[in-house]
């Protein structure tokens, strides 16, 4: 039998869950990577990949999916360089211009550079109506051909538009960010999200609890909606994420991690493990 101190170390390792954060943004003030015109970049935040690696190590996060930040608009250069420098820690999701007919080819180029998918952000107003336009089928079809996930930052009011595309591409993995930011007091909008559970390739990030809640940490009122999403989709299609550093006005990185590590005790242990690392590995294939 191993010595007591070795057994304690092993027990400690087993007690620490494998955590893969599925939603973080990185950026840098390095002039080699200029921000887009008009970008509203917080100047007092260290959002570099190196700072993120420190935070991950301090909070037991093994891997992270990096989502291209809007500050660079369609220029994915900084994130591409981060993926090259730290392939053992990160996967990346790119942004392409959905109103550019060349967007499918741009996605192919980005995938060849190591990106594992694309994120689109159709807003609620008329400026987001491109989601219903003729440029969407070629882009969704390319995503389908490349076998990379389509990630969508969209309000719940856009879910009917998105549903029409899901119907057209039923084999494409689709990830809905932040539970579609469904307001807690809008049950009909929540129903639009829950109805997507009938599509087996649709996944939901259960992030942004701090944004939805009207209470202080750990945002207990938002768990009412989270449980409904869990009941509809099951843990095998739910993904957590800190949304660091966007979350910082509301929670620290450590608090955001702990929110999903320590407060999902209404679920069986096996389901918590699915959310901590199982689902995200199936979607983004970290292979660990």
Protein backbone atom coordinates (compact mmCIF):
# COMPACT_ATOMS: atom_id res chain seq x y z
CA UNK A 1 0.00 0.00 0.00
CA UNK A 2 1.37 3.49 -0.83
CA UNK A 3 2.44 5.72 2.08
CA UNK A 4 -0.27 7.87 3.65
CA UNK A 5 1.07 11.11 2.15
CA UNK A 6 0.98 9.60 -1.35
CA UNK A 7 -2.59 8.35 -0.81
CA UNK A 8 -3.62 11.83 0.35
CA UNK A 9 -2.08 13.38 -2.77
CA UNK A 10 -3.93 10.91 -4.97
CA UNK A 11 -7.19 11.59 -3.15
CA UNK A 12 -6.65 15.31 -3.65
CA UNK A 13 -6.10 14.82 -7.38
CA UNK A 14 -9.26 12.72 -7.65
CA UNK A 15 -11.20 15.34 -5.71
CA UNK A 16 -10.32 18.04 -8.22
CA UNK A 17 -12.68 17.85 -11.18
CA UNK A 18 -11.42 18.17 -14.73
CA UNK A 19 -12.62 21.61 -15.81
CA UNK A 20 -12.70 22.92 -19.37
CA UNK A 21 -13.90 26.51 -19.70
CA UNK A 22 -15.84 26.86 -22.95
CA UNK A 23 -16.07 30.62 -23.20
CA UNK A 24 -13.25 33.13 -22.68
CA UNK A 25 -12.04 36.14 -24.68
CA UNK A 26 -8.43 37.28 -25.01
CA UNK A 27 -6.93 40.46 -26.41
CA UNK A 28 -3.81 42.56 -26.10
CA UNK A 29 -2.85 46.20 -26.51
CA UNK A 30 0.11 45.14 -28.66
CA UNK A 31 0.16 47.42 -31.75
CA UNK A 32 0.83 44.35 -33.92
CA UNK A 33 -2.82 43.50 -33.36
CA UNK A 34 -4.76 46.76 -33.83
CA UNK A 35 -8.30 46.98 -32.54
CA UNK A 36 -11.13 47.71 -34.95
CA UNK A 37 -12.21 51.32 -35.39
CA UNK A 38 -14.56 52.36 -32.60
CA UNK A 39 -13.80 49.34 -30.40
CA UNK A 40 -14.68 49.95 -26.75
CA UNK A 41 -11.80 48.13 -25.10
CA UNK A 42 -11.45 48.17 -21.28
CA UNK A 43 -8.00 49.57 -20.68
CA UNK A 44 -7.67 48.43 -17.07
CA UNK A 45 -8.02 44.69 -17.80
CA UNK A 46 -5.20 42.31 -18.58
CA UNK A 47 -6.93 40.04 -21.09
CA UNK A 48 -3.77 38.45 -22.48
CA UNK A 49 -3.45 34.71 -22.97
CA UNK A 50 -0.56 34.68 -20.50
CA UNK A 51 -2.70 36.18 -17.74
CA UNK A 52 -5.44 33.69 -18.55
CA UNK A 53 -3.01 30.79 -18.19
CA UNK A 54 -2.15 32.06 -14.70
CA UNK A 55 -5.82 32.22 -13.76
CA UNK A 56 -6.47 28.77 -15.16
CA UNK A 57 -3.61 27.29 -13.16
CA UNK A 58 -4.78 28.98 -9.96
CA UNK A 59 -8.35 27.74 -10.36
CA UNK A 60 -7.88 24.22 -11.67
CA UNK A 61 -9.01 24.83 -15.25
CA UNK A 62 -7.19 22.49 -17.63
CA UNK A 63 -8.26 23.76 -21.06
CA UNK A 64 -10.20 26.69 -22.50
CA UNK A 65 -12.15 27.46 -25.65
CA UNK A 66 -11.23 30.99 -26.74
CA UNK A 67 -13.94 32.95 -28.54
CA UNK A 68 -12.72 35.67 -30.88
CA UNK A 69 -13.50 39.01 -29.24
CA UNK A 70 -15.50 41.70 -31.02
CA UNK A 71 -12.74 44.27 -30.39
CA UNK A 72 -10.91 42.98 -33.47
CA UNK A 73 -14.08 42.59 -35.52
CA UNK A 74 -13.12 40.15 -38.32
CA UNK A 75 -9.36 40.15 -37.72
CA UNK A 76 -8.56 36.89 -35.95
CA UNK A 77 -4.78 37.42 -35.98
CA UNK A 78 -4.13 37.67 -32.26
CA UNK A 79 -6.20 34.61 -31.44
CA UNK A 80 -4.52 32.68 -34.27
CA UNK A 81 -1.12 33.46 -32.77
CA UNK A 82 -2.30 32.44 -29.30
CA UNK A 83 -3.48 29.09 -30.66
CA UNK A 84 -0.08 28.51 -32.26
CA UNK A 85 1.79 29.37 -29.05
CA UNK A 86 -0.37 27.36 -26.66
CA UNK A 87 -2.02 24.50 -28.56
CA UNK A 88 -1.95 22.29 -25.49
CA UNK A 89 -4.21 24.70 -23.58
CA UNK A 90 -6.58 26.32 -26.07
CA UNK A 91 -8.97 25.77 -28.93
CA UNK A 92 -10.34 28.79 -30.77
CA UNK A 93 -13.60 29.93 -32.36
CA UNK A 94 -13.26 32.57 -35.07
CA UNK A 95 -15.48 35.39 -36.29
CA UNK A 96 -16.21 36.05 -39.95
CA UNK A 97 -18.24 38.80 -41.58
CA UNK A 98 -21.69 37.29 -42.21
CA UNK A 99 -22.47 39.92 -44.84
CA UNK A 100 -19.40 39.05 -46.92
CA UNK A 101 -20.00 36.50 -49.70
CA UNK A 102 -16.43 35.30 -49.14
CA UNK A 103 -17.15 34.34 -45.52
CA UNK A 104 -17.25 30.57 -46.25
CA UNK A 105 -13.78 30.73 -47.78
CA UNK A 106 -12.53 32.81 -44.88
CA UNK A 107 -13.84 30.14 -42.54
CA UNK A 108 -12.01 27.45 -44.49
CA UNK A 109 -8.78 29.44 -44.23
CA UNK A 110 -9.24 29.96 -40.50
CA UNK A 111 -9.97 26.29 -39.95
CA UNK A 112 -6.74 25.45 -41.80
CA UNK A 113 -4.96 27.72 -39.29
CA UNK A 114 -6.32 25.69 -36.38
CA UNK A 115 -9.64 27.30 -35.50
CA UNK A 116 -12.40 24.93 -34.40
CA UNK A 117 -15.52 26.78 -35.48
CA UNK A 118 -17.16 30.12 -36.05
CA UNK A 119 -19.34 32.47 -34.05
CA UNK A 120 -22.13 34.61 -35.49
CA UNK A 121 -23.94 37.37 -33.61
CA UNK A 122 -27.31 38.29 -35.13
CA UNK A 123 -28.70 41.18 -33.10
CA UNK A 124 -32.35 41.76 -32.38
CA UNK A 125 -32.94 44.76 -34.66
CA UNK A 126 -32.96 45.15 -38.41
CA UNK A 127 -29.15 45.19 -38.46
CA UNK A 128 -29.26 41.49 -37.60
CA UNK A 129 -31.64 40.49 -40.36
CA UNK A 130 -28.77 39.02 -42.36
CA UNK A 131 -29.47 35.82 -40.43
CA UNK A 132 -32.42 35.35 -42.81
CA UNK A 133 -30.50 36.38 -45.92
CA UNK A 134 -29.03 34.46 -48.88
CA UNK A 135 -25.49 34.42 -47.47
CA UNK A 136 -26.37 32.15 -44.58
CA UNK A 137 -26.86 28.82 -46.41
CA UNK A 138 -23.39 28.89 -48.00
CA UNK A 139 -21.76 29.68 -44.65
CA UNK A 140 -23.74 27.07 -42.71
CA UNK A 141 -23.10 24.55 -45.46
CA UNK A 142 -19.35 25.20 -45.26
CA UNK A 143 -19.45 24.74 -41.50
CA UNK A 144 -21.23 21.46 -42.07
CA UNK A 145 -18.64 20.35 -44.63
CA UNK A 146 -15.76 21.29 -42.36
CA UNK A 147 -17.37 19.50 -39.39
CA UNK A 148 -16.86 22.47 -37.08
CA UNK A 149 -19.49 23.87 -34.69
CA UNK A 150 -21.63 26.89 -35.47
CA UNK A 151 -21.75 29.06 -32.34
CA UNK A 152 -24.45 31.72 -32.02
CA UNK A 153 -24.61 34.75 -29.78
CA UNK A 154 -28.22 35.73 -30.31
CA UNK A 155 -31.15 37.00 -28.26
CA UNK A 156 -34.04 34.63 -27.73
CA UNK A 157 -36.12 36.63 -30.21
CA UNK A 158 -33.78 35.39 -32.98
CA UNK A 159 -34.26 31.72 -32.17
CA UNK A 160 -37.10 31.22 -34.70
CA UNK A 161 -34.75 32.48 -37.45
CA UNK A 162 -31.99 30.19 -36.24
CA UNK A 163 -34.40 27.26 -36.05
CA UNK A 164 -35.05 27.50 -39.79
CA UNK A 165 -31.34 27.10 -40.44
CA UNK A 166 -31.05 24.22 -37.98
CA UNK A 167 -33.87 22.50 -39.85
CA UNK A 168 -31.86 22.87 -43.05
CA UNK A 169 -28.61 21.56 -41.55
CA UNK A 170 -29.67 18.95 -38.96
CA UNK A 171 -26.23 17.28 -38.84
CA UNK A 172 -24.38 20.49 -37.98
CA UNK A 173 -23.39 20.98 -34.35
CA UNK A 174 -24.92 24.26 -33.14
CA UNK A 175 -24.04 25.94 -29.83
CA UNK A 176 -26.35 28.60 -28.37
CA UNK A 177 -24.38 31.02 -26.22
CA UNK A 178 -25.51 32.18 -22.78
CA UNK A 179 -28.95 30.47 -22.90
CA UNK A 180 -29.78 33.09 -25.56
CA UNK A 181 -29.67 35.67 -22.75
CA UNK A 182 -33.31 34.83 -22.08
CA UNK A 183 -34.78 37.21 -19.47
CA UNK A 184 -35.92 35.44 -16.32
CA UNK A 185 -39.36 37.05 -16.56
CA UNK A 186 -40.01 36.10 -20.21
CA UNK A 187 -41.29 32.50 -20.13
CA UNK A 188 -42.30 32.54 -23.79
CA UNK A 189 -38.76 33.42 -24.85
CA UNK A 190 -37.46 30.63 -22.65
CA UNK A 191 -39.87 28.27 -24.36
CA UNK A 192 -38.29 29.14 -27.71
CA UNK A 193 -34.96 28.00 -26.29
CA UNK A 194 -36.35 24.84 -24.71
CA UNK A 195 -37.99 23.83 -27.99
CA UNK A 196 -34.52 23.52 -29.54
CA UNK A 197 -33.97 20.47 -27.34
CA UNK A 198 -35.71 18.40 -30.03
CA UNK A 199 -32.60 18.82 -32.19
CA UNK A 200 -29.94 16.37 -30.96
CA UNK A 201 -27.05 18.45 -32.36
CA UNK A 202 -28.00 21.65 -30.50
CA UNK A 203 -26.01 22.50 -27.36
CA UNK A 204 -26.48 25.34 -24.87
CA UNK A 205 -23.97 27.31 -22.84
CA UNK A 206 -25.38 27.85 -19.36
CA UNK A 207 -23.30 31.00 -18.94
CA UNK A 208 -24.20 34.62 -18.11
CA UNK A 209 -26.04 33.81 -14.90
CA UNK A 210 -24.61 37.04 -13.50
CA UNK A 211 -26.20 39.00 -16.35
CA UNK A 212 -29.63 37.38 -16.03
CA UNK A 213 -29.89 37.47 -12.26
CA UNK A 214 -31.32 40.22 -10.10
CA UNK A 215 -29.60 38.81 -7.01
CA UNK A 216 -26.07 38.71 -5.67
CA UNK A 217 -23.64 35.82 -6.16
CA UNK A 218 -24.35 32.90 -6.63
CA UNK A 219 -27.38 34.29 -8.48
CA UNK A 220 -29.92 31.83 -7.07
CA UNK A 221 -32.87 33.24 -9.01
CA UNK A 222 -31.21 32.34 -12.33
CA UNK A 223 -30.96 28.69 -11.29
CA UNK A 224 -34.71 28.34 -11.80
CA UNK A 225 -34.16 28.83 -15.52
CA UNK A 226 -30.94 26.83 -15.54
CA UNK A 227 -32.81 23.82 -14.12
CA UNK A 228 -35.45 24.08 -16.84
CA UNK A 229 -32.74 24.12 -19.50
CA UNK A 230 -31.08 21.15 -17.80
CA UNK A 231 -34.36 19.22 -17.71
CA UNK A 232 -34.95 19.89 -21.41
CA UNK A 233 -31.48 19.28 -22.85
CA UNK A 234 -29.81 17.03 -20.30
CA UNK A 235 -26.28 17.49 -19.03
CA UNK A 236 -24.85 15.88 -22.17
CA UNK A 237 -25.77 19.01 -24.14
CA UNK A 238 -24.95 21.72 -21.61
CA UNK A 239 -21.65 23.62 -21.49
CA UNK A 240 -20.35 26.01 -18.86
CA UNK A 241 -18.13 29.04 -19.39
CA UNK A 242 -16.85 31.99 -17.40
CA UNK A 243 -17.04 34.63 -20.16
CA UNK A 244 -13.86 36.11 -18.71
CA UNK A 245 -12.99 38.98 -18.74
CA UNK A 246 -16.46 40.26 -19.71
CA UNK A 247 -17.69 38.87 -16.38
CA UNK A 248 -15.31 40.96 -14.28
CA UNK A 249 -17.67 43.81 -13.36
CA UNK A 250 -19.88 41.15 -11.73
CA UNK A 251 -17.66 38.23 -10.68
CA UNK A 252 -14.01 37.36 -10.59
CA UNK A 253 -12.67 34.56 -12.75
CA UNK A 254 -12.40 32.37 -9.65
CA UNK A 255 -16.01 33.05 -8.65
CA UNK A 256 -17.18 32.29 -12.18
CA UNK A 257 -15.39 28.94 -12.11
CA UNK A 258 -16.74 28.13 -8.64
CA UNK A 259 -20.27 28.94 -9.76
CA UNK A 260 -20.32 25.83 -11.95
CA UNK A 261 -17.93 23.71 -9.92
CA UNK A 262 -19.62 24.15 -6.55
CA UNK A 263 -23.26 25.14 -7.11
CA UNK A 264 -24.61 22.46 -9.47
CA UNK A 265 -25.33 20.11 -6.58
CA UNK A 266 -28.95 19.66 -7.71
CA UNK A 267 -27.48 17.38 -10.42
CA UNK A 268 -26.05 13.88 -9.98
CA UNK A 269 -22.26 13.73 -9.93
CA UNK A 270 -22.11 12.14 -13.38
CA UNK A 271 -24.10 15.02 -14.88
CA UNK A 272 -21.87 17.61 -13.25
CA UNK A 273 -18.86 15.91 -14.81
CA UNK A 274 -20.55 16.05 -18.22
CA UNK A 275 -20.91 19.80 -17.87
CA UNK A 276 -17.43 20.32 -16.41
CA UNK A 277 -15.64 18.57 -19.25
CA UNK A 278 -17.58 15.85 -21.06
CA UNK A 279 -19.83 17.89 -23.33
CA UNK A 280 -17.22 20.44 -24.32
CA UNK A 281 -14.80 17.66 -25.26
CA UNK A 282 -17.38 16.18 -27.61
CA UNK A 283 -18.06 19.55 -29.24
CA UNK A 284 -14.48 20.84 -29.46
CA UNK A 285 -12.57 17.55 -29.17
CA UNK A 286 -9.74 18.32 -26.78
CA UNK A 287 -9.04 14.60 -26.56
CA UNK A 288 -8.32 14.45 -22.83
